[in-house]
Amino acid sequence: MVASHTYDEIISQPDALKQTLQMVKEQRFHEKDPDLTVFSGCGTSYYLAVSAARFFQEVTGKPALAVPASEVILHPEQVFAKGLKYQLVIISRSGTTSEAVAACKTIAGRKEIGVMAVTCHAGSALARLAAESIVLDHIKEKSVVMTQSFTNMLYALQLYSAKTSQNDRIWNELTRLPEQMDQVIGQLPQIRELAENLQYRRFIFLGSGVLTGIAREATLKLKEMTQTECESYSTLEFRHGPISIVDDRTAVILFTSEKTKELDAPLMEEIRSFGGHAVAVGHCADQVSADTALVIETDLSGSCQAILLLPHFQMLAYCRAVKLGLNPDQPRNLNQVVKISIGE
């Protein structure tokens, strides 16, 4: 492998997860009982919010949704209804993303909305504006693209969901995740052949439930690092029009699970019948009629497995960028932090 910050940040995720676990284990959180918890961010952090909101609602039994931070700024009345109490969980690696900071300022002074920041930088503007924060200051990415930060901020929010709802079963499962990530990192060379096959000009990522956000983030990673044509869809929605783009230059990567495998298999068969290369990633990937099955060996249940799927598509994007002669650490037109002028 070509030496790069991105590569190092992908393969070192098990140790980072162990530190995140210890940090959340020791942190005490404010007691709160909102009518709705809103997870928000921009770009990768928004897709993280999508998965975190689905996980939070499943684990706690309390309503949650995800919105882009820009929606909080532009349409707060469509995000926050009158007469309800909210918890806004705002996510930003740097803690300085313009829309994330502006979202906090937009709702400042509204006593019915509590704010928690999730960031990798202590003392950042976002951390200062929030009533409480999860700060993962052991995550210090040098690459422009978010890999290890996405994994760890999502993991922190999963732990937060289990801890604050006193869901001991889920908490105990999540504590085993860093050790199992070691095994996943060892499997990553399997993705290289697919990544380097330039016959495939189009990549589609499919997932449902918590994996919806994972599929969106997989699309963004590949698009950022390689500028490859790629899209993401909720799994069964793919049949409703988008499947028309499948041909022999299309690779469709489906994040599968025990809960969805019976419906995933016929879709994989359809994709193959149209000439597409069907790839499945997950614990039961070898049970859904895929051309390529990347099986994740794990005893974790359901949504707790989601984070174990992340390194595969991160490495897919890295390997393809290297094959194309691109710099995965510094994709074109991008910077680590997006800052724009937003009127006060």
Protein backbone atom coordinates (compact mmCIF):
# COMPACT_ATOMS: atom_id res chain seq x y z
CA MET A 1 0.00 0.00 0.00
CA VAL A 2 1.11 3.57 -0.73
CA ALA A 3 1.96 5.40 2.49
CA SER A 4 -0.68 7.99 3.34
CA HIS A 5 -2.46 9.54 6.30
CA THR A 6 -5.76 8.10 5.06
CA TYR A 7 -4.41 4.55 5.06
CA ASP A 8 -2.91 4.93 8.52
CA GLU A 9 -6.15 6.39 9.88
CA ILE A 10 -8.19 3.49 8.50
CA ILE A 11 -6.04 0.67 9.83
CA SER A 12 -5.50 2.22 13.28
CA GLN A 13 -9.21 2.35 14.09
CA PRO A 14 -9.26 -0.52 16.62
CA ASP A 15 -6.97 1.33 19.05
CA ALA A 16 -8.90 4.56 18.59
CA LEU A 17 -12.18 2.77 19.35
CA LYS A 18 -10.72 1.43 22.59
CA GLN A 19 -9.94 4.99 23.68
CA THR A 20 -13.41 6.17 22.71
CA LEU A 21 -14.97 3.38 24.76
CA GLN A 22 -12.96 4.32 27.83
CA MET A 23 -13.79 8.00 27.44
CA VAL A 24 -17.55 7.49 27.16
CA LYS A 25 -17.47 4.94 29.97
CA GLU A 26 -15.99 7.56 32.30
CA GLN A 27 -18.11 10.51 31.15
CA ARG A 28 -21.22 11.54 33.08
CA PHE A 29 -24.06 12.96 31.00
CA HIS A 30 -26.77 15.42 31.94
CA GLU A 31 -30.16 13.91 32.63
CA LYS A 32 -32.68 14.94 30.01
CA ASP A 33 -36.10 13.87 28.75
CA PRO A 34 -36.86 15.61 25.43
CA ASP A 35 -39.87 14.88 23.28
CA LEU A 36 -37.53 14.50 20.31
CA THR A 37 -33.77 14.19 19.85
CA VAL A 38 -32.49 15.80 16.65
CA PHE A 39 -29.11 14.69 15.29
CA SER A 40 -27.46 17.10 12.88
CA GLY A 41 -24.27 17.79 10.95
CA CYS A 42 -22.92 18.55 7.48
CA GLY A 43 -21.64 16.17 4.81
CA THR A 44 -20.10 13.11 6.45
CA SER A 45 -21.31 14.33 9.85
CA TYR A 46 -24.88 14.48 8.54
CA TYR A 47 -24.71 10.89 7.28
CA LEU A 48 -23.32 9.97 10.68
CA ALA A 49 -26.35 11.71 12.18
CA VAL A 50 -28.69 9.61 10.03
CA SER A 51 -27.23 6.36 11.40
CA ALA A 52 -26.96 7.71 14.95
CA ALA A 53 -30.61 8.79 15.00
CA ARG A 54 -31.82 5.39 13.81
CA PHE A 55 -29.65 3.64 16.41
CA PHE A 56 -30.71 5.99 19.21
CA GLN A 57 -34.42 5.44 18.59
CA GLU A 58 -34.05 1.67 18.35
CA VAL A 59 -31.99 1.41 21.54
CA THR A 60 -33.74 4.00 23.73
CA GLY A 61 -37.29 3.68 22.43
CA LYS A 62 -37.44 7.49 22.19
CA PRO A 63 -38.12 9.45 18.99
CA ALA A 64 -35.15 10.75 17.01
CA LEU A 65 -34.50 12.16 13.55
CA ALA A 66 -31.61 13.55 11.54
CA VAL A 67 -31.47 16.83 9.62
CA PRO A 68 -28.63 18.71 7.90
CA ALA A 69 -27.33 21.58 10.03
CA SER A 70 -28.27 23.99 7.27
CA GLU A 71 -31.94 23.09 7.79
CA VAL A 72 -31.70 24.25 11.41
CA ILE A 73 -30.43 27.61 10.16
CA LEU A 74 -32.74 28.06 7.18
CA HIS A 75 -35.95 26.40 8.40
CA PRO A 76 -35.90 26.14 12.22
CA GLU A 77 -39.70 26.25 12.36
CA GLN A 78 -39.80 23.09 10.23
CA VAL A 79 -37.36 21.29 12.52
CA PHE A 80 -38.63 22.44 15.93
CA ALA A 81 -42.40 22.56 16.55
CA LYS A 82 -43.87 24.80 19.23
CA GLY A 83 -44.77 23.26 22.56
CA LEU A 84 -42.21 20.42 22.45
CA LYS A 85 -38.86 19.88 24.16
CA TYR A 86 -35.83 18.99 22.07
CA GLN A 87 -32.26 17.80 22.38
CA LEU A 88 -30.07 18.89 19.46
CA VAL A 89 -27.00 16.70 18.98
CA ILE A 90 -24.72 18.61 16.63
CA ILE A 91 -21.74 16.80 15.05
CA SER A 92 -18.57 18.30 13.59
CA ARG A 93 -15.06 16.83 13.46
CA SER A 94 -13.41 20.23 13.74
CA GLY A 95 -16.05 21.89 15.88
CA THR A 96 -15.77 24.90 13.58
CA THR A 97 -17.93 23.93 10.58
CA SER A 98 -19.82 27.10 9.70
CA GLU A 99 -23.32 25.62 9.47
CA ALA A 100 -22.89 23.60 12.68
CA VAL A 101 -21.79 26.64 14.65
CA ALA A 102 -24.52 28.79 13.08
CA ALA A 103 -27.15 26.15 13.95
CA CYS A 104 -26.23 26.47 17.63
CA LYS A 105 -26.42 30.25 17.42
CA THR A 106 -29.79 30.05 15.66
CA ILE A 107 -31.43 28.30 18.60
CA ALA A 108 -29.48 30.10 21.34
CA GLY A 109 -31.78 31.28 24.10
CA ARG A 110 -34.52 28.77 23.35
CA LYS A 111 -34.88 27.02 26.68
CA GLU A 112 -36.88 24.16 25.17
CA ILE A 113 -33.87 23.08 23.08
CA GLY A 114 -30.84 21.54 24.77
CA VAL A 115 -27.59 21.21 22.81
CA MET A 116 -24.88 18.55 22.92
CA ALA A 117 -21.84 18.78 20.67
CA VAL A 118 -19.87 15.82 19.30
CA THR A 119 -16.44 16.81 18.05
CA CYS A 120 -12.78 15.86 17.96
CA HIS A 121 -11.50 19.24 19.17
CA ALA A 122 -11.76 20.45 22.75
CA GLY A 123 -12.18 24.19 23.08
CA SER A 124 -13.71 24.53 19.61
CA ALA A 125 -16.49 27.03 18.93
CA LEU A 126 -19.05 24.24 18.85
CA ALA A 127 -17.94 22.79 22.19
CA ARG A 128 -18.12 26.25 23.76
CA LEU A 129 -21.65 26.87 22.50
CA ALA A 130 -23.08 23.52 23.66
CA ALA A 131 -24.36 22.75 27.15
CA GLU A 132 -22.36 19.52 27.11
CA SER A 133 -20.01 17.79 24.69
CA ILE A 134 -18.52 14.49 23.71
CA VAL A 135 -14.97 15.45 22.77
CA LEU A 136 -12.80 12.78 21.13
CA ASP A 137 -9.54 14.69 21.26
CA HIS A 138 -7.54 11.49 20.69
CA ILE A 139 -8.77 11.57 17.07
CA LYS A 140 -6.35 13.78 15.17
CA GLU A 141 -6.85 13.13 11.47
CA LYS A 142 -4.39 14.66 9.03
CA SER A 143 -6.27 13.57 5.91
CA VAL A 144 -8.97 15.85 4.52
CA VAL A 145 -11.43 12.96 4.31
CA MET A 146 -13.13 11.66 7.44
CA THR A 147 -12.60 7.97 8.19
CA GLN A 148 -11.49 7.32 11.76
CA SER A 149 -13.43 10.36 12.99
CA PHE A 150 -16.68 9.09 11.45
CA THR A 151 -16.21 5.66 12.99
CA ASN A 152 -15.41 6.97 16.45
CA MET A 153 -18.03 9.70 16.64
CA LEU A 154 -20.70 7.21 15.57
CA TYR A 155 -19.39 4.69 18.11
CA ALA A 156 -19.45 7.35 20.83
CA LEU A 157 -23.09 8.14 20.04
CA GLN A 158 -24.00 4.45 20.09
CA LEU A 159 -22.37 4.12 23.50
CA TYR A 160 -24.14 7.29 24.61
CA SER A 161 -27.48 5.82 23.52
CA ALA A 162 -26.93 2.62 25.48
CA LYS A 163 -25.51 4.34 28.55
CA THR A 164 -28.15 7.04 28.96
CA SER A 165 -31.01 4.55 28.42
CA GLN A 166 -29.37 2.03 30.78
CA ASN A 167 -29.58 -0.63 28.07
CA ASP A 168 -27.04 -3.03 29.53
CA ARG A 169 -27.41 -5.63 26.78
CA ILE A 170 -26.49 -3.17 24.04
CA TRP A 171 -23.74 -1.58 26.13
CA ASN A 172 -22.14 -4.97 26.75
CA GLU A 173 -22.24 -5.80 23.05
CA LEU A 174 -20.70 -2.47 22.09
CA THR A 175 -17.81 -2.95 24.51
CA ARG A 176 -16.74 -5.98 22.44
CA LEU A 177 -16.66 -4.02 19.21
CA PRO A 178 -13.05 -2.67 19.31
CA GLU A 179 -11.61 -6.20 19.56
CA GLN A 180 -13.75 -7.38 16.66
CA MET A 181 -12.62 -4.41 14.58
CA ASP A 182 -9.11 -5.90 14.69
CA GLN A 183 -10.41 -8.89 12.73
CA VAL A 184 -12.16 -6.63 10.20
CA ILE A 185 -8.96 -4.66 9.54
CA GLY A 186 -7.25 -7.98 8.78
CA GLN A 187 -9.85 -8.68 6.05
CA LEU A 188 -9.36 -5.41 4.16
CA PRO A 189 -7.04 -6.75 1.44
CA GLN A 190 -10.14 -8.57 0.07
CA ILE A 191 -11.56 -5.26 -1.18
CA ARG A 192 -8.51 -4.35 -3.27
CA GLU A 193 -9.43 -6.41 -6.35
CA LEU A 194 -12.82 -4.71 -6.63
CA ALA A 195 -11.34 -1.27 -6.01
CA GLU A 196 -8.68 -1.64 -8.70
CA ASN A 197 -11.01 -3.05 -11.37
CA LEU A 198 -11.48 -0.01 -13.58
CA GLN A 199 -14.10 -1.83 -15.66
CA TYR A 200 -16.58 -0.60 -13.07
CA ARG A 201 -17.32 3.04 -13.82
CA ARG A 202 -20.35 3.35 -11.55
CA PHE A 203 -20.83 2.29 -7.91
CA ILE A 204 -24.16 2.04 -6.09
CA PHE A 205 -24.37 1.60 -2.31
CA LEU A 206 -27.50 0.18 -0.67
CA GLY A 207 -28.51 -0.09 2.99
CA SER A 208 -31.54 0.18 5.26
CA GLY A 209 -32.18 1.17 8.86
CA VAL A 210 -28.94 2.20 10.58
CA LEU A 211 -27.15 1.15 7.40
CA THR A 212 -28.91 3.89 5.39
CA GLY A 213 -26.45 6.46 6.72
CA ILE A 214 -23.59 4.01 6.18
CA ALA A 215 -24.51 3.63 2.49
CA ARG A 216 -24.66 7.40 2.06
CA GLU A 217 -21.27 7.85 3.70
CA ALA A 218 -19.78 5.09 1.53
CA THR A 219 -20.95 7.01 -1.54
CA LEU A 220 -19.43 10.24 -0.29
CA LYS A 221 -16.07 8.62 0.52
CA LEU A 222 -15.70 7.13 -2.95
CA LYS A 223 -16.87 10.34 -4.61
CA GLU A 224 -14.50 12.50 -2.53
CA MET A 225 -11.37 10.41 -3.02
CA THR A 226 -11.88 9.30 -6.63
CA GLN A 227 -14.61 11.47 -8.25
CA THR A 228 -16.19 8.19 -9.41
CA GLU A 229 -19.86 8.25 -10.40
CA CYS A 230 -21.69 6.79 -7.42
CA GLU A 231 -25.06 6.94 -5.68
CA SER A 232 -26.79 5.50 -2.61
CA TYR A 233 -30.32 4.33 -1.93
CA SER A 234 -32.41 2.71 0.75
CA THR A 235 -32.14 -0.92 -0.33
CA LEU A 236 -35.63 -1.77 -1.59
CA GLU A 237 -36.11 1.71 -3.08
CA PHE A 238 -33.48 0.81 -5.67
CA ARG A 239 -36.04 -1.18 -7.67
CA HIS A 240 -38.29 1.87 -7.99
CA GLY A 241 -36.50 3.49 -10.92
CA PRO A 242 -32.76 3.64 -10.15
CA ILE A 243 -32.16 -0.01 -11.08
CA SER A 244 -32.49 1.13 -14.71
CA ILE A 245 -28.89 2.41 -14.61
CA VAL A 246 -27.38 -1.03 -13.89
CA ASP A 247 -25.17 -2.45 -16.64
CA ASP A 248 -21.94 -4.43 -16.94
CA ARG A 249 -19.94 -1.40 -15.79
CA THR A 250 -21.88 -1.08 -12.53
CA ALA A 251 -20.90 -2.46 -9.13
CA VAL A 252 -23.71 -2.53 -6.55
CA ILE A 253 -22.55 -2.83 -2.93
CA LEU A 254 -25.25 -3.88 -0.50
CA PHE A 255 -24.84 -3.66 3.27
CA THR A 256 -26.86 -6.65 4.38
CA SER A 257 -28.04 -7.99 7.73
CA GLU A 258 -29.82 -10.95 9.26
CA LYS A 259 -33.05 -8.95 9.33
CA THR A 260 -32.97 -8.01 5.63
CA LYS A 261 -31.22 -10.94 3.93
CA GLU A 262 -34.41 -12.65 2.68
CA LEU A 263 -35.33 -9.52 0.72
CA ASP A 264 -31.75 -8.67 -0.20
CA ALA A 265 -31.14 -11.95 -2.07
CA PRO A 266 -33.76 -11.46 -4.83
CA LEU A 267 -32.51 -7.91 -5.40
CA MET A 268 -28.94 -9.14 -5.82
CA GLU A 269 -30.19 -11.71 -8.33
CA GLU A 270 -31.95 -8.99 -10.32
CA ILE A 271 -28.83 -6.83 -10.36
CA ARG A 272 -26.78 -9.74 -11.67
CA SER A 273 -29.38 -10.47 -14.35
CA PHE A 274 -28.89 -6.93 -15.68
CA GLY A 275 -25.12 -7.41 -15.90
CA GLY A 276 -24.20 -5.62 -12.69
CA HIS A 277 -21.57 -6.91 -10.27
CA ALA A 278 -23.35 -7.64 -6.97
CA VAL A 279 -21.30 -7.20 -3.79
CA ALA A 280 -22.60 -7.93 -0.30
CA VAL A 281 -20.98 -6.80 2.95
CA GLY A 282 -22.11 -8.06 6.35
CA HIS A 283 -22.33 -11.02 8.69
CA CYS A 284 -24.56 -12.94 6.26
CA ALA A 285 -23.05 -11.61 3.02
CA ASP A 286 -22.60 -15.15 1.70
CA GLN A 287 -26.35 -15.79 1.94
CA VAL A 288 -27.72 -13.17 -0.47
CA SER A 289 -26.69 -14.42 -3.95
CA ALA A 290 -23.86 -11.91 -4.41
CA ASP A 291 -20.98 -12.24 -6.89
CA THR A 292 -18.61 -11.08 -4.16
CA ALA A 293 -19.34 -11.69 -0.47
CA LEU A 294 -17.34 -9.84 2.19
CA VAL A 295 -18.36 -11.69 5.33
CA ILE A 296 -17.94 -9.89 8.66
CA GLU A 297 -17.28 -12.41 11.41
CA THR A 298 -19.09 -11.12 14.50
CA ASP A 299 -21.35 -12.20 17.33
CA LEU A 300 -22.82 -8.71 17.72
CA SER A 301 -26.52 -8.37 17.05
CA GLY A 302 -28.37 -6.22 14.54
CA SER A 303 -27.45 -2.56 14.47
CA CYS A 304 -24.43 -3.07 16.73
CA GLN A 305 -22.64 -4.57 13.70
CA ALA A 306 -22.86 -1.39 11.63
CA ILE A 307 -19.51 0.10 12.58
CA LEU A 308 -17.72 -3.11 11.56
CA LEU A 309 -18.78 -2.45 7.96
CA LEU A 310 -17.11 0.96 7.76
CA PRO A 311 -13.46 0.04 7.01
CA HIS A 312 -14.39 -1.92 3.88
CA PHE A 313 -15.79 1.01 1.95
CA GLN A 314 -13.17 3.40 3.37
CA MET A 315 -10.44 1.10 2.02
CA LEU A 316 -12.35 0.69 -1.27
CA ALA A 317 -12.14 4.44 -1.82
CA TYR A 318 -8.48 4.61 -0.75
CA CYS A 319 -7.35 1.73 -3.01
CA ARG A 320 -9.23 3.07 -6.02
CA ALA A 321 -7.75 6.54 -5.53
CA VAL A 322 -4.25 5.05 -5.49
CA LYS A 323 -5.01 2.97 -8.60
CA LEU A 324 -6.16 6.12 -10.40
CA GLY A 325 -3.02 8.00 -9.37
CA LEU A 326 -4.94 10.37 -7.10
CA ASN A 327 -3.98 11.66 -3.66
CA PRO A 328 -6.46 10.18 -1.14
CA ASP A 329 -5.26 12.57 1.57
CA GLN A 330 -6.06 15.70 -0.41
CA PRO A 331 -8.93 15.26 -2.90
CA ARG A 332 -9.44 18.07 -5.36
CA ASN A 333 -11.58 21.07 -4.38
CA LEU A 334 -11.75 20.02 -0.72
CA ASN A 335 -10.44 21.25 2.63
CA GLN A 336 -10.62 19.70 6.10
CA VAL A 337 -13.05 22.37 7.31
CA VAL A 338 -15.85 23.99 5.33
CA LYS A 339 -16.29 27.62 6.29
CA ILE A 340 -18.79 29.93 4.64
CA SER A 341 -20.18 33.34 5.46
CA ILE A 342 -23.56 33.06 7.18
CA GLY A 343 -25.40 36.23 8.12
CA GLU A 344 -26.07 36.69 11.82
